[in-house]
Full PDB file with SEQRES, HELIX, SHEET, SSBOND, CRYST1, ORIGX, SCALE, CONECT and MASTER records, all heavy atoms in Angstrom:
SEQRES   1 A   35  SER CYS LEU ILE ASP ILE GLY TRP GLY ILE ARG GLY GLY          
SEQRES   2 A   35  GLY THR ALA ARG THR VAL SER ARG GLN GLN PHE ASP LEU          
SEQRES   3 A   35  PHE ARG LYS TRP LEU LEU GLN ALA GLU                          
HELIX    1 AA1 CYS A    2  ARG A   11  1                                  10    
HELIX    2 AA2 ALA A   16  THR A   18  5                                   3    
HELIX    3 AA3 ARG A   21  ALA A   34  1                                  14    
CRYST1    1.000    1.000    1.000  90.00  90.00  90.00 P 1           1          
ORIGX1      1.000000  0.000000  0.000000        0.00000                         
ORIGX2      0.000000  1.000000  0.000000        0.00000                         
ORIGX3      0.000000  0.000000  1.000000        0.00000                         
SCALE1      1.000000  0.000000  0.000000        0.00000                         
SCALE2      0.000000  1.000000  0.000000        0.00000                         
SCALE3      0.000000  0.000000  1.000000        0.00000                         
ATOM      1  N   SER A   1     102.627 -52.334 -92.807  1.00  0.00           N  
ATOM      2  CA  SER A   1     102.438 -53.263 -93.913  1.00  0.00           C  
ATOM      3  C   SER A   1     102.408 -52.529 -95.248  1.00  0.00           C  
ATOM      4  O   SER A   1     102.933 -53.020 -96.257  1.00  0.00           O  
ATOM      5  CB  SER A   1     101.139 -54.049 -93.702  1.00  0.00           C  
ATOM      6  OG  SER A   1     100.970 -55.028 -94.702  1.00  0.00           O  
ATOM      7  N   CYS A   2     101.812 -51.335 -95.253  1.00  0.00           N  
ATOM      8  CA  CYS A   2     101.761 -50.525 -96.470  1.00  0.00           C  
ATOM      9  C   CYS A   2     103.173 -50.132 -96.914  1.00  0.00           C  
ATOM     10  O   CYS A   2     103.506 -50.204 -98.104  1.00  0.00           O  
ATOM     11  CB  CYS A   2     100.907 -49.287 -96.214  1.00  0.00           C  
ATOM     12  SG  CYS A   2     100.769 -48.175 -97.622  1.00  0.00           S  
ATOM     13  N   LEU A   3     104.005 -49.708 -95.979  1.00  0.00           N  
ATOM     14  CA  LEU A   3     105.381 -49.333 -96.300  1.00  0.00           C  
ATOM     15  C   LEU A   3     106.160 -50.539 -96.840  1.00  0.00           C  
ATOM     16  O   LEU A   3     106.972 -50.408 -97.771  1.00  0.00           O  
ATOM     17  CB  LEU A   3     106.075 -48.763 -95.061  1.00  0.00           C  
ATOM     18  CG  LEU A   3     105.473 -47.462 -94.499  1.00  0.00           C  
ATOM     19  CD1 LEU A   3     106.130 -47.106 -93.174  1.00  0.00           C  
ATOM     20  CD2 LEU A   3     105.625 -46.317 -95.497  1.00  0.00           C  
ATOM     21  N   ILE A   4     105.917 -51.706 -96.258  1.00  0.00           N  
ATOM     22  CA  ILE A   4     106.553 -52.927 -96.759  1.00  0.00           C  
ATOM     23  C   ILE A   4     106.100 -53.203 -98.189  1.00  0.00           C  
ATOM     24  O   ILE A   4     106.907 -53.560 -99.062  1.00  0.00           O  
ATOM     25  CB  ILE A   4     106.220 -54.121 -95.845  1.00  0.00           C  
ATOM     26  CG1 ILE A   4     106.872 -53.952 -94.473  1.00  0.00           C  
ATOM     27  CG2 ILE A   4     106.666 -55.442 -96.480  1.00  0.00           C  
ATOM     28  CD1 ILE A   4     106.388 -54.932 -93.427  1.00  0.00           C  
ATOM     29  N   ASP A   5     104.813 -53.044 -98.440  1.00  0.00           N  
ATOM     30  CA  ASP A   5     104.261 -53.291 -99.771  1.00  0.00           C  
ATOM     31  C   ASP A   5     104.904 -52.370-100.802  1.00  0.00           C  
ATOM     32  O   ASP A   5     105.238 -52.794-101.915  1.00  0.00           O  
ATOM     33  CB  ASP A   5     102.744 -53.088 -99.739  1.00  0.00           C  
ATOM     34  CG  ASP A   5     102.064 -53.513-101.028  1.00  0.00           C  
ATOM     35  OD1 ASP A   5     102.250 -54.676-101.437  1.00  0.00           O  
ATOM     36  OD2 ASP A   5     101.352 -52.690-101.628  1.00  0.00           O  
ATOM     37  N   ILE A   6     105.094 -51.115-100.446  1.00  0.00           N  
ATOM     38  CA  ILE A   6     105.751 -50.167-101.354  1.00  0.00           C  
ATOM     39  C   ILE A   6     107.181 -50.619-101.635  1.00  0.00           C  
ATOM     40  O   ILE A   6     107.642 -50.633-102.785  1.00  0.00           O  
ATOM     41  CB  ILE A   6     105.729 -48.748-100.756  1.00  0.00           C  
ATOM     42  CG1 ILE A   6     104.290 -48.215-100.687  1.00  0.00           C  
ATOM     43  CG2 ILE A   6     106.599 -47.802-101.593  1.00  0.00           C  
ATOM     44  CD1 ILE A   6     104.147 -46.922 -99.914  1.00  0.00           C  
ATOM     45  N   GLY A   7     107.882 -51.005-100.571  1.00  0.00           N  
ATOM     46  CA  GLY A   7     109.267 -51.436-100.737  1.00  0.00           C  
ATOM     47  C   GLY A   7     109.405 -52.655-101.632  1.00  0.00           C  
ATOM     48  O   GLY A   7     110.228 -52.678-102.552  1.00  0.00           O  
ATOM     49  N   TRP A   8     108.565 -53.686-101.392  1.00  0.00           N  
ATOM     50  CA  TRP A   8     108.646 -54.892-102.208  1.00  0.00           C  
ATOM     51  C   TRP A   8     108.197 -54.612-103.646  1.00  0.00           C  
ATOM     52  O   TRP A   8     108.686 -55.240-104.590  1.00  0.00           O  
ATOM     53  CB  TRP A   8     107.805 -56.011-101.600  1.00  0.00           C  
ATOM     54  CG  TRP A   8     108.507 -56.717-100.485  1.00  0.00           C  
ATOM     55  CD1 TRP A   8     108.287 -56.561 -99.161  1.00  0.00           C  
ATOM     56  CD2 TRP A   8     109.570 -57.663-100.610  1.00  0.00           C  
ATOM     57  NE1 TRP A   8     109.143 -57.367 -98.447  1.00  0.00           N  
ATOM     58  CE2 TRP A   8     109.936 -58.050 -99.305  1.00  0.00           C  
ATOM     59  CE3 TRP A   8     110.248 -58.221-101.697  1.00  0.00           C  
ATOM     60  CZ2 TRP A   8     110.949 -58.965 -99.055  1.00  0.00           C  
ATOM     61  CZ3 TRP A   8     111.264 -59.152-101.444  1.00  0.00           C  
ATOM     62  CH2 TRP A   8     111.594 -59.516-100.142  1.00  0.00           C  
ATOM     63  N   GLY A   9     107.284 -53.655-103.825  1.00  0.00           N  
ATOM     64  CA  GLY A   9     106.877 -53.281-105.177  1.00  0.00           C  
ATOM     65  C   GLY A   9     108.035 -52.698-105.965  1.00  0.00           C  
ATOM     66  O   GLY A   9     108.168 -52.926-107.174  1.00  0.00           O  
ATOM     67  N   ILE A  10     108.909 -51.943-105.288  1.00  0.00           N  
ATOM     68  CA  ILE A  10     110.096 -51.378-105.935  1.00  0.00           C  
ATOM     69  C   ILE A  10     111.121 -52.465-106.220  1.00  0.00           C  
ATOM     70  O   ILE A  10     111.720 -52.513-107.294  1.00  0.00           O  
ATOM     71  CB  ILE A  10     110.708 -50.282-105.043  1.00  0.00           C  
ATOM     72  CG1 ILE A  10     109.756 -49.077-104.954  1.00  0.00           C  
ATOM     73  CG2 ILE A  10     112.079 -49.850-105.567  1.00  0.00           C  
ATOM     74  CD1 ILE A  10     110.127 -48.074-103.890  1.00  0.00           C  
ATOM     75  N   ARG A  11     111.320 -53.351-105.249  1.00  0.00           N  
ATOM     76  CA  ARG A  11     112.313 -54.411-105.425  1.00  0.00           C  
ATOM     77  C   ARG A  11     111.915 -55.401-106.500  1.00  0.00           C  
ATOM     78  O   ARG A  11     112.735 -55.833-107.314  1.00  0.00           O  
ATOM     79  CB  ARG A  11     112.527 -55.162-104.098  1.00  0.00           C  
ATOM     80  CG  ARG A  11     113.606 -56.242-104.186  1.00  0.00           C  
ATOM     81  CD  ARG A  11     113.488 -57.210-103.020  1.00  0.00           C  
ATOM     82  NE  ARG A  11     114.523 -58.226-103.050  1.00  0.00           N  
ATOM     83  CZ  ARG A  11     114.507 -59.321-103.803  1.00  0.00           C  
ATOM     84  NH1 ARG A  11     113.489 -59.539-104.634  1.00  0.00           N  
ATOM     85  NH2 ARG A  11     115.493 -60.208-103.757  1.00  0.00           N  
ATOM     86  N   GLY A  12     110.619 -55.772-106.514  1.00  0.00           N  
ATOM     87  CA  GLY A  12     110.174 -56.827-107.409  1.00  0.00           C  
ATOM     88  C   GLY A  12     110.369 -58.181-106.773  1.00  0.00           C  
ATOM     89  O   GLY A  12     111.026 -58.329-105.726  1.00  0.00           O  
ATOM     90  N   GLY A  13     109.804 -59.197-107.392  1.00  0.00           N  
ATOM     91  CA  GLY A  13     109.823 -60.532-106.815  1.00  0.00           C  
ATOM     92  C   GLY A  13     110.926 -61.435-107.324  1.00  0.00           C  
ATOM     93  O   GLY A  13     110.950 -62.622-107.000  1.00  0.00           O  
ATOM     94  N   GLY A  14     111.841 -60.904-108.102  1.00  0.00           N  
ATOM     95  CA  GLY A  14     112.904 -61.729-108.667  1.00  0.00           C  
ATOM     96  C   GLY A  14     114.015 -62.017-107.679  1.00  0.00           C  
ATOM     97  O   GLY A  14     114.008 -61.556-106.529  1.00  0.00           O  
ATOM     98  N   THR A  15     115.009 -62.771-108.127  1.00  0.00           N  
ATOM     99  CA  THR A  15     116.161 -63.058-107.286  1.00  0.00           C  
ATOM    100  C   THR A  15     117.013 -61.800-107.143  1.00  0.00           C  
ATOM    101  O   THR A  15     116.821 -60.806-107.847  1.00  0.00           O  
ATOM    102  CB  THR A  15     117.022 -64.174-107.910  1.00  0.00           C  
ATOM    103  OG1 THR A  15     117.500 -63.723-109.194  1.00  0.00           O  
ATOM    104  CG2 THR A  15     116.206 -65.444-108.106  1.00  0.00           C  
ATOM    105  N   ALA A  16     117.963 -61.834-106.200  1.00  0.00           N  
ATOM    106  CA  ALA A  16     118.808 -60.668-105.943  1.00  0.00           C  
ATOM    107  C   ALA A  16     119.541 -60.213-107.202  1.00  0.00           C  
ATOM    108  O   ALA A  16     119.797 -59.014-107.388  1.00  0.00           O  
ATOM    109  CB  ALA A  16     119.803 -61.001-104.830  1.00  0.00           C  
ATOM    110  N   ARG A  17     119.864 -61.146-108.093  1.00  0.00           N  
ATOM    111  CA  ARG A  17     120.597 -60.791-109.322  1.00  0.00           C  
ATOM    112  C   ARG A  17     119.780 -59.885-110.234  1.00  0.00           C  
ATOM    113  O   ARG A  17     120.344 -59.178-111.065  1.00  0.00           O  
ATOM    114  CB  ARG A  17     120.981 -62.064-110.085  1.00  0.00           C  
ATOM    115  CG  ARG A  17     121.964 -62.954-109.373  1.00  0.00           C  
ATOM    116  CD  ARG A  17     122.490 -64.039-110.307  1.00  0.00           C  
ATOM    117  NE  ARG A  17     121.420 -64.831-110.881  1.00  0.00           N  
ATOM    118  CZ  ARG A  17     120.908 -65.919-110.302  1.00  0.00           C  
ATOM    119  NH1 ARG A  17     121.356 -66.306-109.125  1.00  0.00           N  
ATOM    120  NH2 ARG A  17     119.944 -66.611-110.888  1.00  0.00           N  
ATOM    121  N   THR A  18     118.463 -59.908-110.095  1.00  0.00           N  
ATOM    122  CA  THR A  18     117.604 -59.114-110.987  1.00  0.00           C  
ATOM    123  C   THR A  18     117.304 -57.733-110.424  1.00  0.00           C  
ATOM    124  O   THR A  18     116.614 -56.944-111.063  1.00  0.00           O  
ATOM    125  CB  THR A  18     116.276 -59.848-111.230  1.00  0.00           C  
ATOM    126  OG1 THR A  18     115.517 -59.884-109.999  1.00  0.00           O  
ATOM    127  CG2 THR A  18     116.501 -61.267-111.723  1.00  0.00           C  
ATOM    128  N   VAL A  19     117.825 -57.406-109.226  1.00  0.00           N  
ATOM    129  CA  VAL A  19     117.515 -56.146-108.563  1.00  0.00           C  
ATOM    130  C   VAL A  19     118.692 -55.180-108.720  1.00  0.00           C  
ATOM    131  O   VAL A  19     119.830 -55.510-108.372  1.00  0.00           O  
ATOM    132  CB  VAL A  19     117.216 -56.377-107.061  1.00  0.00           C  
ATOM    133  CG1 VAL A  19     116.830 -55.066-106.388  1.00  0.00           C  
ATOM    134  CG2 VAL A  19     116.101 -57.403-106.891  1.00  0.00           C  
ATOM    135  N   SER A  20     118.412 -53.983-109.249  1.00  0.00           N  
ATOM    136  CA  SER A  20     119.470 -52.989-109.431  1.00  0.00           C  
ATOM    137  C   SER A  20     119.848 -52.373-108.096  1.00  0.00           C  
ATOM    138  O   SER A  20     119.114 -52.470-107.108  1.00  0.00           O  
ATOM    139  CB  SER A  20     119.001 -51.895-110.390  1.00  0.00           C  
ATOM    140  OG  SER A  20     118.003 -51.093-109.777  1.00  0.00           O  
ATOM    141  N   ARG A  21     120.997 -51.693-108.066  1.00  0.00           N  
ATOM    142  CA  ARG A  21     121.436 -51.023-106.837  1.00  0.00           C  
ATOM    143  C   ARG A  21     120.433 -49.957-106.416  1.00  0.00           C  
ATOM    144  O   ARG A  21     120.115 -49.812-105.234  1.00  0.00           O  
ATOM    145  CB  ARG A  21     122.827 -50.409-107.065  1.00  0.00           C  
ATOM    146  CG  ARG A  21     123.298 -49.473-105.960  1.00  0.00           C  
ATOM    147  CD  ARG A  21     123.205 -50.046-104.557  1.00  0.00           C  
ATOM    148  NE  ARG A  21     123.937 -51.295-104.406  1.00  0.00           N  
ATOM    149  CZ  ARG A  21     123.978 -52.000-103.295  1.00  0.00           C  
ATOM    150  NH1 ARG A  21     123.272 -51.608-102.238  1.00  0.00           N  
ATOM    151  NH2 ARG A  21     124.665 -53.111-103.222  1.00  0.00           N  
ATOM    152  N   GLN A  22     119.897 -49.200-107.378  1.00  0.00           N  
ATOM    153  CA  GLN A  22     118.913 -48.174-107.044  1.00  0.00           C  
ATOM    154  C   GLN A  22     117.647 -48.800-106.458  1.00  0.00           C  
ATOM    155  O   GLN A  22     117.104 -48.304-105.464  1.00  0.00           O  
ATOM    156  CB  GLN A  22     118.553 -47.351-108.276  1.00  0.00           C  
ATOM    157  CG  GLN A  22     117.562 -46.225-107.987  1.00  0.00           C  
ATOM    158  CD  GLN A  22     117.183 -45.453-109.230  1.00  0.00           C  
ATOM    159  OE1 GLN A  22     117.269 -45.959-110.344  1.00  0.00           O  
ATOM    160  NE2 GLN A  22     116.744 -44.214-109.045  1.00  0.00           N  
ATOM    161  N   GLN A  23     117.194 -49.884-107.065  1.00  0.00           N  
ATOM    162  CA  GLN A  23     116.024 -50.580-106.531  1.00  0.00           C  
ATOM    163  C   GLN A  23     116.278 -51.063-105.106  1.00  0.00           C  
ATOM    164  O   GLN A  23     115.433 -50.907-104.221  1.00  0.00           O  
ATOM    165  CB  GLN A  23     115.667 -51.787-107.404  1.00  0.00           C  
ATOM    166  CG  GLN A  23     114.944 -51.475-108.701  1.00  0.00           C  
ATOM    167  CD  GLN A  23     114.728 -52.750-109.500  1.00  0.00           C  
ATOM    168  OE1 GLN A  23     115.693 -53.376-109.955  1.00  0.00           O  
ATOM    169  NE2 GLN A  23     113.480 -53.137-109.662  1.00  0.00           N  
ATOM    170  N   PHE A  24     117.443 -51.658-104.902  1.00  0.00           N  
ATOM    171  CA  PHE A  24     117.754 -52.196-103.585  1.00  0.00           C  
ATOM    172  C   PHE A  24     117.814 -51.091-102.537  1.00  0.00           C  
ATOM    173  O   PHE A  24     117.311 -51.244-101.419  1.00  0.00           O  
ATOM    174  CB  PHE A  24     119.080 -52.962-103.611  1.00  0.00           C  
ATOM    175  CG  PHE A  24     119.447 -53.578-102.294  1.00  0.00           C  
ATOM    176  CD1 PHE A  24     118.866 -54.765-101.882  1.00  0.00           C  
ATOM    177  CD2 PHE A  24     120.344 -52.944-101.445  1.00  0.00           C  
ATOM    178  CE1 PHE A  24     119.188 -55.321-100.645  1.00  0.00           C  
ATOM    179  CE2 PHE A  24     120.667 -53.497-100.205  1.00  0.00           C  
ATOM    180  CZ  PHE A  24     120.087 -54.683 -99.815  1.00  0.00           C  
ATOM    181  N   ASP A  25     118.424 -49.947-102.895  1.00  0.00           N  
ATOM    182  CA  ASP A  25     118.529 -48.844-101.941  1.00  0.00           C  
ATOM    183  C   ASP A  25     117.152 -48.302-101.567  1.00  0.00           C  
ATOM    184  O   ASP A  25     116.887 -47.997-100.391  1.00  0.00           O  
ATOM    185  CB  ASP A  25     119.392 -47.729-102.529  1.00  0.00           C  
ATOM    186  CG  ASP A  25     120.872 -48.098-102.597  1.00  0.00           C  
ATOM    187  OD1 ASP A  25     121.268 -49.089-101.934  1.00  0.00           O  
ATOM    188  OD2 ASP A  25     121.625 -47.415-103.315  1.00  0.00           O  
ATOM    189  N   LEU A  26     116.277 -48.155-102.556  1.00  0.00           N  
ATOM    190  CA  LEU A  26     114.925 -47.671-102.268  1.00  0.00           C  
ATOM    191  C   LEU A  26     114.131 -48.694-101.463  1.00  0.00           C  
ATOM    192  O   LEU A  26     113.374 -48.341-100.547  1.00  0.00           O  
ATOM    193  CB  LEU A  26     114.198 -47.339-103.574  1.00  0.00           C  
ATOM    194  CG  LEU A  26     114.645 -46.062-104.282  1.00  0.00           C  
ATOM    195  CD1 LEU A  26     114.018 -45.977-105.665  1.00  0.00           C  
ATOM    196  CD2 LEU A  26     114.270 -44.829-103.455  1.00  0.00           C  
ATOM    197  N   PHE A  27     114.286 -49.946-101.818  1.00  0.00           N  
ATOM    198  CA  PHE A  27     113.640 -51.034-101.078  1.00  0.00           C  
ATOM    199  C   PHE A  27     114.030 -50.979 -99.605  1.00  0.00           C  
ATOM    200  O   PHE A  27     113.174 -51.010 -98.708  1.00  0.00           O  
ATOM    201  CB  PHE A  27     114.061 -52.365-101.709  1.00  0.00           C  
ATOM    202  CG  PHE A  27     113.738 -53.603-100.912  1.00  0.00           C  
ATOM    203  CD1 PHE A  27     112.430 -53.979-100.680  1.00  0.00           C  
ATOM    204  CD2 PHE A  27     114.754 -54.413-100.437  1.00  0.00           C  
ATOM    205  CE1 PHE A  27     112.129 -55.137 -99.966  1.00  0.00           C  
ATOM    206  CE2 PHE A  27     114.478 -55.571 -99.727  1.00  0.00           C  
ATOM    207  CZ  PHE A  27     113.153 -55.926 -99.491  1.00  0.00           C  
ATOM    208  N   ARG A  28     115.314 -50.855 -99.364  1.00  0.00           N  
ATOM    209  CA  ARG A  28     115.808 -50.806 -97.992  1.00  0.00           C  
ATOM    210  C   ARG A  28     115.287 -49.570 -97.261  1.00  0.00           C  
ATOM    211  O   ARG A  28     114.933 -49.638 -96.079  1.00  0.00           O  
ATOM    212  CB  ARG A  28     117.337 -50.840 -97.991  1.00  0.00           C  
ATOM    213  CG  ARG A  28     117.932 -50.906 -96.598  1.00  0.00           C  
ATOM    214  CD  ARG A  28     119.439 -51.120 -96.652  1.00  0.00           C  
ATOM    215  NE  ARG A  28     119.987 -51.098 -95.295  1.00  0.00           N  
ATOM    216  CZ  ARG A  28     119.975 -52.125 -94.473  1.00  0.00           C  
ATOM    217  NH1 ARG A  28     119.441 -53.275 -94.849  1.00  0.00           N  
ATOM    218  NH2 ARG A  28     120.485 -52.028 -93.254  1.00  0.00           N  
ATOM    219  N   LYS A  29     115.218 -48.453 -97.962  1.00  0.00           N  
ATOM    220  CA  LYS A  29     114.722 -47.214 -97.349  1.00  0.00           C  
ATOM    221  C   LYS A  29     113.292 -47.383 -96.842  1.00  0.00           C  
ATOM    222  O   LYS A  29     112.980 -47.017 -95.706  1.00  0.00           O  
ATOM    223  CB  LYS A  29     114.787 -46.078 -98.380  1.00  0.00           C  
ATOM    224  CG  LYS A  29     114.138 -44.785 -97.919  1.00  0.00           C  
ATOM    225  CD  LYS A  29     114.071 -43.772 -99.063  1.00  0.00           C  
ATOM    226  CE  LYS A  29     113.225 -42.569 -98.664  1.00  0.00           C  
ATOM    227  NZ  LYS A  29     113.065 -41.608 -99.796  1.00  0.00           N  
ATOM    228  N   TRP A  30     112.432 -47.960 -97.690  1.00  0.00           N  
ATOM    229  CA  TRP A  30     111.036 -48.149 -97.288  1.00  0.00           C  
ATOM    230  C   TRP A  30     110.908 -49.158 -96.160  1.00  0.00           C  
ATOM    231  O   TRP A  30     110.109 -48.999 -95.237  1.00  0.00           O  
ATOM    232  CB  TRP A  30     110.187 -48.564 -98.483  1.00  0.00           C  
ATOM    233  CG  TRP A  30     109.885 -47.424 -99.400  1.00  0.00           C  
ATOM    234  CD1 TRP A  30     110.504 -47.119-100.576  1.00  0.00           C  
ATOM    235  CD2 TRP A  30     108.891 -46.403 -99.204  1.00  0.00           C  
ATOM    236  NE1 TRP A  30     109.963 -45.978-101.130  1.00  0.00           N  
ATOM    237  CE2 TRP A  30     108.966 -45.527-100.315  1.00  0.00           C  
ATOM    238  CE3 TRP A  30     107.951 -46.147 -98.221  1.00  0.00           C  
ATOM    239  CZ2 TRP A  30     108.132 -44.415-100.457  1.00  0.00           C  
ATOM    240  CZ3 TRP A  30     107.113 -45.050 -98.350  1.00  0.00           C  
ATOM    241  CH2 TRP A  30     107.216 -44.199 -99.448  1.00  0.00           C  
ATOM    242  N   LEU A  31     111.714 -50.221 -96.209  1.00  0.00           N  
ATOM    243  CA  LEU A  31     111.635 -51.223 -95.146  1.00  0.00           C  
ATOM    244  C   LEU A  31     112.165 -50.695 -93.820  1.00  0.00           C  
ATOM    245  O   LEU A  31     111.653 -51.071 -92.761  1.00  0.00           O  
ATOM    246  CB  LEU A  31     112.373 -52.501 -95.553  1.00  0.00           C  
ATOM    247  CG  LEU A  31     111.428 -53.632 -96.007  1.00  0.00           C  
ATOM    248  CD1 LEU A  31     110.678 -53.244 -97.264  1.00  0.00           C  
ATOM    249  CD2 LEU A  31     112.180 -54.931 -96.204  1.00  0.00           C  
ATOM    250  N   LEU A  32     113.148 -49.820 -93.871  1.00  0.00           N  
ATOM    251  CA  LEU A  32     113.622 -49.219 -92.631  1.00  0.00           C  
ATOM    252  C   LEU A  32     112.546 -48.332 -92.006  1.00  0.00           C  
ATOM    253  O   LEU A  32     112.394 -48.295 -90.777  1.00  0.00           O  
ATOM    254  CB  LEU A  32     114.907 -48.413 -92.886  1.00  0.00           C  
ATOM    255  CG  LEU A  32     116.175 -49.250 -93.088  1.00  0.00           C  
ATOM    256  CD1 LEU A  32     117.317 -48.369 -93.588  1.00  0.00           C  
ATOM    257  CD2 LEU A  32     116.572 -49.953 -91.795  1.00  0.00           C  
ATOM    258  N   GLN A  33     111.799 -47.623 -92.840  1.00  0.00           N  
ATOM    259  CA  GLN A  33     110.671 -46.846 -92.334  1.00  0.00           C  
ATOM    260  C   GLN A  33     109.638 -47.762 -91.682  1.00  0.00           C  
ATOM    261  O   GLN A  33     109.109 -47.466 -90.605  1.00  0.00           O  
ATOM    262  CB  GLN A  33     110.018 -46.050 -93.461  1.00  0.00           C  
ATOM    263  CG  GLN A  33     110.843 -44.908 -94.015  1.00  0.00           C  
ATOM    264  CD  GLN A  33     110.061 -44.143 -95.084  1.00  0.00           C  
ATOM    265  OE1 GLN A  33     108.962 -43.657 -94.852  1.00  0.00           O  
ATOM    266  NE2 GLN A  33     110.638 -44.057 -96.272  1.00  0.00           N  
ATOM    267  N   ALA A  34     109.338 -48.858 -92.376  1.00  0.00           N  
ATOM    268  CA  ALA A  34     108.372 -49.818 -91.832  1.00  0.00           C  
ATOM    269  C   ALA A  34     108.860 -50.391 -90.516  1.00  0.00           C  
ATOM    270  O   ALA A  34     108.086 -50.526 -89.555  1.00  0.00           O  
ATOM    271  CB  ALA A  34     108.128 -50.943 -92.844  1.00  0.00           C  
ATOM    272  N   GLU A  35     110.130 -50.729 -90.452  1.00  0.00           N  
ATOM    273  CA  GLU A  35     110.691 -51.305 -89.229  1.00  0.00           C  
ATOM    274  C   GLU A  35     110.543 -50.340 -88.058  1.00  0.00           C  
ATOM    275  O   GLU A  35     110.216 -50.752 -86.938  1.00  0.00           O  
ATOM    276  CB  GLU A  35     112.170 -51.653 -89.462  1.00  0.00           C  
ATOM    277  CG  GLU A  35     112.913 -52.143 -88.243  1.00  0.00           C  
ATOM    278  CD  GLU A  35     112.563 -53.569 -87.825  1.00  0.00           C  
ATOM    279  OE1 GLU A  35     111.621 -54.161 -88.384  1.00  0.00           O  
ATOM    280  OE2 GLU A  35     113.226 -54.091 -86.912  1.00  0.00           O  
TER     281      GLU A  35                                                      
MASTER        0    0    0    3    0    0    0    6  280    1    0    3          
END                                                                             
């Protein structure tokens, strides 16, 4: 859950249009660790 929290903190709560490629890549990295 902590790893998920870190990932969503990087992504932010906006729609996909508001998320940069770097944010998305880091978000995915943390969620893959959590998974």
